[in-house]
C-alpha cells in the first residue's frame, strides 16, 4: 500500500439487456479509453446492470414487486412509515423497498436485486480472468440509506476475490493503544468511493479501483463474499422499527422471536419489569417470578417476549397474579 488510490468509471457503456456479457462490455469501455485492467485491480459494478443481464427486470410498479420479494424465504418487513417500506431481503440486506429500483429503467418496469449477488460477483470474476488472465477483485454495489444519517451511499451487496473487511483487533496504534473491535468494511468503502466517480446520472455502471491490491485474493480464492458483512437475524440491535417492535412484542407471535435476539440476562429482564410495573421479580431456578396487578399481566408478557423470554405459568394470588417466566428455547 502506498497511500494512493485511483478510481476510474468509464463512459460510453452501452445499454445492458438480458444476456449481456458484462466482462466484455467493461473491457471494451476500458480499451476505448486506453486504460486496461491491471493485476490487483478491484472491478466494481452496480447491481442494476447485473440484474438486467440476469433477467431480473419486471413489468409493473414497486408495490407489486415488493410483494413478490417479501414472499421469499427469510424476507420480512422491518418498518413501515406511510408509503415507505424498509425490508430485510432474502439476502439479509435491510433496504428500502427490498432494493427494488424504478430508476434508469424503462417506464413501467422495475429492477429487482440479483438472486445471489455473491454468485454474480464470482461469475464476473471468472469471466474477467478468462479474458485477461489477471488476479482481480469484484464488488457488486447497490444504494442504501443509513440509520441515524440522512442521504444514501453505495454498499457492497456482492463480492468475490476480495477481503471484504479488515480485522484490526489486537493491533496497536501509534500511541500504544490496543484496538479491540475495529474492523473496517473495506468492500463498502470501495463501493462508496467508486460511486463518486460513477455519479447517479452519468451512465457509468462500472468502476475500477487501483491501489489496494493487498485486499485482492488469489485467483482460486473467491473469499467469503459480501454475505460476510450481513449480521445474522437477531444479531442486530434494531431488528424492527420502533413502532413495529412494540406491536410485535404485544402480539407475541413465536415466528417473530428471531429479530429480538438471544434471551437477555435475568437481571436485565427483571429491571425492565421493575421499571414498567414497579414490582420486583424473584429468581426461581433459571427463571423469574413476578407478582403484578392483573391488568399488568399483558405488559409483563410483552416485556418477556421482547427480551427473548416466555411465560411459563400464571397463578392468581388475589388480587394480583404471579407470572413465571423462563428463557425461550428455539
Protein backbone atom coordinates (compact mmCIF):
# COMPACT_ATOMS: atom_id res chain seq x y z
CA UNK A 1 0.00 0.00 0.00
CA UNK A 2 1.33 3.42 -1.00
CA UNK A 3 -1.47 5.58 0.42
CA UNK A 4 -2.56 6.39 -3.13
CA UNK A 5 -5.88 5.24 -4.55
CA UNK A 6 -7.14 5.79 -8.10
CA UNK A 7 -10.73 5.49 -9.29
CA UNK A 8 -11.98 5.15 -12.84
CA UNK A 9 -15.57 4.91 -14.10
CA UNK A 10 -15.58 4.62 -17.91
CA UNK A 11 -18.08 6.46 -20.09
CA UNK A 12 -19.66 5.09 -23.23
CA UNK A 13 -21.10 1.88 -21.80
CA UNK A 14 -23.94 0.52 -23.94
CA UNK A 15 -27.36 -0.32 -22.52
CA UNK A 16 -27.40 -3.68 -20.74
CA UNK A 17 -30.08 -6.24 -21.56
CA UNK A 18 -30.67 -9.84 -20.54
CA UNK A 19 -27.70 -11.97 -21.56
CA UNK A 20 -25.22 -9.08 -21.94
CA UNK A 21 -21.61 -10.14 -21.38
CA UNK A 22 -20.68 -7.65 -18.65
CA UNK A 23 -16.99 -8.56 -18.66
CA UNK A 24 -16.66 -7.95 -22.40
CA UNK A 25 -18.66 -4.73 -22.07
CA UNK A 26 -16.34 -3.40 -19.36
CA UNK A 27 -13.13 -4.40 -21.17
CA UNK A 28 -14.37 -2.74 -24.34
CA UNK A 29 -15.08 0.52 -22.50
CA UNK A 30 -11.63 0.46 -20.87
CA UNK A 31 -9.90 -0.32 -24.15
CA UNK A 32 -11.61 2.68 -25.72
CA UNK A 33 -10.02 4.83 -23.00
CA UNK A 34 -6.63 3.19 -23.27
CA UNK A 35 -6.94 2.12 -19.61
CA UNK A 36 -6.60 -1.66 -19.44
CA UNK A 37 -7.07 -3.56 -16.22
CA UNK A 38 -4.01 -4.40 -14.12
CA UNK A 39 -3.29 -7.23 -11.74
CA UNK A 40 -4.73 -6.44 -8.29
CA UNK A 41 -7.45 -4.08 -9.54
CA UNK A 42 -10.91 -4.19 -7.98
CA UNK A 43 -13.75 -4.09 -10.50
CA UNK A 44 -16.97 -2.53 -9.26
CA UNK A 45 -20.34 -2.97 -10.96
CA UNK A 46 -23.80 -1.76 -9.98
CA UNK A 47 -26.34 -4.40 -9.06
CA UNK A 48 -28.74 -2.81 -11.52
CA UNK A 49 -26.78 -3.85 -14.61
CA UNK A 50 -26.07 -7.25 -13.07
CA UNK A 51 -29.81 -7.70 -12.58
CA UNK A 52 -30.56 -6.52 -16.12
CA UNK A 53 -28.05 -9.01 -17.54
CA UNK A 54 -29.55 -11.77 -15.40
CA UNK A 55 -33.14 -11.01 -16.39
CA UNK A 56 -34.24 -9.60 -13.03
CA UNK A 57 -36.45 -6.87 -14.51
CA UNK A 58 -40.22 -6.95 -14.08
CA UNK A 59 -43.13 -5.05 -15.63
CA UNK A 60 -45.27 -3.20 -13.11
CA UNK A 61 -44.67 -1.00 -10.10
CA UNK A 62 -42.59 -1.34 -6.94
CA UNK A 63 -45.53 -2.37 -4.76
CA UNK A 64 -46.30 -5.46 -6.82
CA UNK A 65 -42.62 -6.39 -7.00
CA UNK A 66 -42.23 -5.81 -3.26
CA UNK A 67 -44.97 -8.32 -2.52
CA UNK A 68 -43.06 -10.86 -4.64
CA UNK A 69 -39.79 -10.19 -2.83
CA UNK A 70 -41.36 -10.31 0.64
CA UNK A 71 -42.68 -13.80 -0.13
CA UNK A 72 -39.12 -15.14 -0.43
CA UNK A 73 -37.72 -17.23 2.46
CA UNK A 74 -36.04 -15.02 5.05
CA UNK A 75 -37.57 -11.78 3.76
CA UNK A 76 -39.77 -9.64 6.03
CA UNK A 77 -40.89 -6.10 6.77
CA UNK A 78 -38.64 -4.26 9.23
CA UNK A 79 -40.57 -0.99 9.39
CA UNK A 80 -43.24 0.95 7.55
CA UNK A 81 -43.83 4.69 7.56
CA UNK A 82 -46.53 5.84 5.16
CA UNK A 83 -45.51 4.83 1.63
CA UNK A 84 -42.02 3.76 2.73
CA UNK A 85 -41.31 0.12 3.50
CA UNK A 86 -37.95 -0.95 4.92
CA UNK A 87 -37.48 -4.66 4.35
CA UNK A 88 -34.98 -7.36 5.11
CA UNK A 89 -34.37 -9.15 1.82
CA UNK A 90 -33.81 -12.81 1.10
CA UNK A 91 -30.08 -11.95 1.22
CA UNK A 92 -30.32 -10.46 4.74
CA UNK A 93 -29.89 -6.91 3.45
CA UNK A 94 -32.07 -4.23 5.07
CA UNK A 95 -33.12 -1.76 2.39
CA UNK A 96 -35.97 0.48 1.30
CA UNK A 97 -38.46 -1.48 -0.82
CA UNK A 98 -36.19 -4.55 -0.59
CA UNK A 99 -33.77 -2.90 -3.01
CA UNK A 100 -36.31 -2.71 -5.84
CA UNK A 101 -35.50 0.18 -8.18
CA UNK A 102 -37.56 2.02 -10.76
CA UNK A 103 -34.86 4.49 -11.90
CA UNK A 104 -32.66 4.23 -15.00
CA UNK A 105 -35.02 1.64 -16.41
CA UNK A 106 -37.83 1.72 -18.98
CA UNK A 107 -41.07 3.31 -17.79
CA UNK A 108 -43.43 0.77 -16.26
CA UNK A 109 -40.56 -1.54 -15.34
CA UNK A 110 -38.68 -2.21 -12.11
CA UNK A 111 -35.39 -3.96 -11.37
CA UNK A 112 -35.01 -6.46 -8.52
CA UNK A 113 -31.74 -7.27 -6.80
CA UNK A 114 -29.77 -10.23 -8.18
CA UNK A 115 -30.89 -13.52 -6.68
CA UNK A 116 -27.37 -14.18 -5.35
CA UNK A 117 -25.09 -11.13 -5.66
CA UNK A 118 -22.04 -13.04 -4.39
CA UNK A 119 -22.56 -15.70 -7.05
CA UNK A 120 -22.91 -12.91 -9.64
CA UNK A 121 -19.61 -11.43 -8.47
CA UNK A 122 -17.90 -14.82 -8.67
CA UNK A 123 -19.17 -15.41 -12.20
CA UNK A 124 -17.98 -11.98 -13.36
CA UNK A 125 -14.58 -12.54 -11.74
CA UNK A 126 -14.16 -15.88 -13.51
CA UNK A 127 -15.16 -14.38 -16.86
CA UNK A 128 -12.75 -11.46 -16.43
CA UNK A 129 -9.95 -13.86 -15.53
CA UNK A 130 -10.70 -15.99 -18.60
CA UNK A 131 -10.44 -12.89 -20.79
CA UNK A 132 -7.43 -11.22 -19.14
CA UNK A 133 -5.61 -13.77 -17.00
CA UNK A 134 -5.48 -11.19 -14.21
CA UNK A 135 -5.99 -11.52 -10.46
CA UNK A 136 -8.93 -9.22 -9.79
CA UNK A 137 -11.47 -8.48 -7.09
CA UNK A 138 -15.11 -7.81 -7.91
CA UNK A 139 -17.70 -5.85 -5.95
CA UNK A 140 -21.41 -5.62 -6.80
CA UNK A 141 -22.96 -2.47 -5.35
CA UNK A 142 -26.34 -1.05 -4.50
CA UNK A 143 -27.54 2.15 -2.87
CA UNK A 144 -28.77 2.08 0.72
CA UNK A 145 -29.76 4.51 3.44
CA UNK A 146 -28.12 4.57 6.87
CA UNK A 147 -29.75 4.52 10.28
CA UNK A 148 -29.40 7.89 12.05
CA UNK A 149 -28.00 9.55 8.89
CA UNK A 150 -29.62 11.48 6.06
CA UNK A 151 -28.79 10.58 2.48
CA UNK A 152 -27.67 7.35 0.87
CA UNK A 153 -24.42 5.75 -0.19
CA UNK A 154 -23.44 2.66 -2.14
CA UNK A 155 -22.62 -0.54 -0.29
CA UNK A 156 -21.29 -3.93 -1.35
CA UNK A 157 -24.10 -6.44 -1.83
CA UNK A 158 -21.87 -8.94 -3.60
CA UNK A 159 -18.13 -9.58 -3.70
CA UNK A 160 -15.61 -12.10 -4.97
CA UNK A 161 -11.84 -12.38 -4.65
CA UNK A 162 -11.73 -9.67 -2.04
CA UNK A 163 -11.09 -9.32 1.65
CA UNK A 164 -14.40 -7.61 2.44
CA UNK A 165 -13.42 -6.49 5.96
CA UNK A 166 -10.06 -5.89 7.60
CA UNK A 167 -9.52 -7.03 11.17
CA UNK A 168 -7.51 -4.64 13.33
CA UNK A 169 -8.38 -6.30 16.64
CA UNK A 170 -5.22 -6.82 18.68
CA UNK A 171 -3.13 -4.35 16.69
CA UNK A 172 -1.55 -1.37 18.44
CA UNK A 173 -1.92 2.25 17.29
CA UNK A 174 0.83 4.88 17.22
CA UNK A 175 0.11 5.76 20.85
CA UNK A 176 0.36 2.20 22.09
CA UNK A 177 -3.38 1.61 22.45
CA UNK A 178 -4.55 -1.88 21.55
CA UNK A 179 -7.50 -1.91 19.14
CA UNK A 180 -10.40 -4.08 20.25
CA UNK A 181 -13.18 -4.28 17.64
CA UNK A 182 -12.02 -2.09 14.76
CA UNK A 183 -12.97 -3.85 11.51
CA UNK A 184 -13.30 -1.51 8.51
CA UNK A 185 -15.82 -2.83 5.98
CA UNK A 186 -13.49 -2.17 3.06
CA UNK A 187 -15.87 -3.60 0.45
CA UNK A 188 -18.45 -0.98 1.45
CA UNK A 189 -15.77 1.72 1.45
CA UNK A 190 -14.75 0.73 -2.08
CA UNK A 191 -18.41 0.83 -3.18
CA UNK A 192 -18.89 4.33 -1.77
CA UNK A 193 -15.65 5.62 -3.25
CA UNK A 194 -16.46 4.39 -6.75
CA UNK A 195 -19.93 5.93 -6.58
CA UNK A 196 -18.22 9.34 -6.51
CA UNK A 197 -16.67 8.59 -9.90
CA UNK A 198 -19.75 6.94 -11.38
CA UNK A 199 -22.33 9.59 -10.48
CA UNK A 200 -26.01 8.78 -10.29
CA UNK A 201 -26.93 10.05 -13.74
CA UNK A 202 -23.64 9.50 -15.55
CA UNK A 203 -24.48 6.19 -17.18
CA UNK A 204 -21.31 4.66 -15.72
CA UNK A 205 -22.24 1.29 -14.21
CA UNK A 206 -18.63 0.09 -13.89
CA UNK A 207 -15.72 1.29 -11.86
CA UNK A 208 -12.14 0.26 -11.27
CA UNK A 209 -10.20 0.81 -8.05
CA UNK A 210 -6.41 0.66 -8.16
CA UNK A 211 -4.10 0.87 -5.18
CA UNK A 212 -5.47 -1.80 -2.84
CA UNK A 213 -4.10 -4.97 -4.39
CA UNK A 214 -3.39 -6.09 -0.83
CA UNK A 215 -7.12 -6.74 -0.46
CA UNK A 216 -7.36 -8.90 -3.59
CA UNK A 217 -7.20 -12.66 -3.05
CA UNK A 218 -5.62 -15.34 -5.19
CA UNK A 219 -7.22 -16.43 -8.44
CA UNK A 220 -8.59 -19.62 -6.86
CA UNK A 221 -9.86 -17.88 -3.71
CA UNK A 222 -13.19 -16.08 -4.05
CA UNK A 223 -13.26 -15.21 -0.35
CA UNK A 224 -16.31 -15.01 1.93
CA UNK A 225 -18.31 -12.63 -0.26
CA UNK A 226 -20.33 -9.63 0.85
CA UNK A 227 -22.63 -12.00 2.74
CA UNK A 228 -19.96 -11.99 5.46
CA UNK A 229 -20.89 -8.35 6.17
CA UNK A 230 -24.55 -9.18 6.87
CA UNK A 231 -25.42 -9.63 10.52
CA UNK A 232 -27.46 -12.77 11.17
CA UNK A 233 -31.11 -12.39 12.11
CA UNK A 234 -31.23 -11.46 15.79
CA UNK A 235 -27.65 -10.21 15.79
CA UNK A 236 -28.69 -6.65 15.01
CA UNK A 237 -29.88 -4.36 17.81
CA UNK A 238 -32.57 -2.94 15.52
CA UNK A 239 -34.44 -5.92 14.12
CA UNK A 240 -37.67 -3.92 13.90
CA UNK A 241 -38.59 -0.28 13.65
CA UNK A 242 -39.65 1.35 16.92
CA UNK A 243 -43.39 1.08 16.25
CA UNK A 244 -43.16 -2.40 14.78
CA UNK A 245 -41.18 -3.67 17.77
CA UNK A 246 -43.95 -2.60 20.16
CA UNK A 247 -46.65 -4.26 18.06
CA UNK A 248 -44.66 -7.47 17.56
CA UNK A 249 -43.88 -7.79 21.26
CA UNK A 250 -47.53 -7.28 22.20
CA UNK A 251 -48.69 -9.85 19.64
CA UNK A 252 -46.08 -12.33 20.87
CA UNK A 253 -46.08 -14.48 17.72
CA UNK A 254 -43.33 -17.12 18.14
CA UNK A 255 -42.39 -16.58 14.49
CA UNK A 256 -41.31 -13.05 15.37
CA UNK A 257 -38.76 -14.07 18.02
CA UNK A 258 -35.59 -14.14 15.92
CA UNK A 259 -35.24 -10.37 15.27
CA UNK A 260 -35.37 -9.71 19.03
CA UNK A 261 -32.17 -11.71 19.50
CA UNK A 262 -30.98 -14.19 22.12
CA UNK A 263 -32.57 -14.23 25.59
CA UNK A 264 -31.46 -11.36 27.82
CA UNK A 265 -29.90 -11.96 31.22
CA UNK A 266 -32.41 -12.42 34.07
CA UNK A 267 -31.19 -9.21 35.69
CA UNK A 268 -31.92 -7.22 32.53
CA UNK A 269 -35.47 -8.56 32.25
CA UNK A 270 -36.09 -8.07 35.98
CA UNK A 271 -35.02 -4.42 35.70
CA UNK A 272 -37.33 -3.86 32.71
CA UNK A 273 -40.26 -5.39 34.61
CA UNK A 274 -39.49 -3.24 37.65
CA UNK A 275 -39.39 -0.06 35.58
CA UNK A 276 -42.74 -0.80 33.92
CA UNK A 277 -44.69 -2.37 36.79
CA UNK A 278 -42.86 -1.05 39.88
CA UNK A 279 -42.74 -4.67 41.08
CA UNK A 280 -39.53 -6.58 41.76
CA UNK A 281 -39.02 -10.04 40.29
CA UNK A 282 -37.71 -13.08 42.17
CA UNK A 283 -35.26 -15.59 40.72
CA UNK A 284 -36.72 -19.10 40.57
CA UNK A 285 -34.15 -21.57 39.26
CA UNK A 286 -33.13 -20.27 35.85
CA UNK A 287 -36.39 -18.34 35.59
CA UNK A 288 -38.07 -15.31 37.09
CA UNK A 289 -41.31 -14.86 39.03
CA UNK A 290 -43.10 -11.54 39.38
CA UNK A 291 -46.36 -10.69 41.14
CA UNK A 292 -48.23 -7.86 39.44
CA UNK A 293 -51.76 -6.44 39.24
CA UNK A 294 -53.92 -8.41 36.82
CA UNK A 295 -54.09 -5.50 34.39
CA UNK A 296 -50.27 -5.55 34.03
CA UNK A 297 -50.03 -9.21 33.09
CA UNK A 298 -50.07 -8.39 29.37
CA UNK A 299 -47.26 -5.88 29.80
CA UNK A 300 -45.13 -8.49 31.56
CA UNK A 301 -45.74 -11.00 28.76
CA UNK A 302 -44.75 -8.40 26.13
CA UNK A 303 -41.61 -7.47 28.07
CA UNK A 304 -40.69 -11.14 28.33
CA UNK A 305 -41.16 -11.65 24.58
CA UNK A 306 -39.05 -8.60 23.72
CA UNK A 307 -36.25 -9.91 25.95
CA UNK A 308 -36.28 -13.42 24.48
CA UNK A 309 -38.26 -14.95 27.34
CA UNK A 310 -41.71 -16.52 27.55
CA UNK A 311 -44.47 -17.05 30.09
CA UNK A 312 -44.12 -20.46 31.72
CA UNK A 313 -47.14 -20.28 34.04
CA UNK A 314 -49.50 -17.92 35.82
CA UNK A 315 -51.20 -18.21 39.20
CA UNK A 316 -53.84 -15.94 40.68
CA UNK A 317 -52.68 -14.51 44.01
CA UNK A 318 -55.66 -12.30 44.84
CA UNK A 319 -55.86 -9.52 43.97
CA UNK A 320 -52.72 -9.98 41.84
CA UNK A 321 -51.31 -12.61 39.53
CA UNK A 322 -47.94 -14.36 39.76
CA UNK A 323 -46.32 -14.73 36.36
CA UNK A 324 -43.40 -17.12 35.99
CA UNK A 325 -41.02 -16.50 33.11
CA UNK A 326 -38.27 -18.55 31.53
CA UNK A 327 -35.84 -18.05 28.65
CA UNK A 328 -37.40 -19.07 25.36
CA UNK A 329 -35.91 -22.02 23.52
CA UNK A 330 -35.59 -22.14 19.73
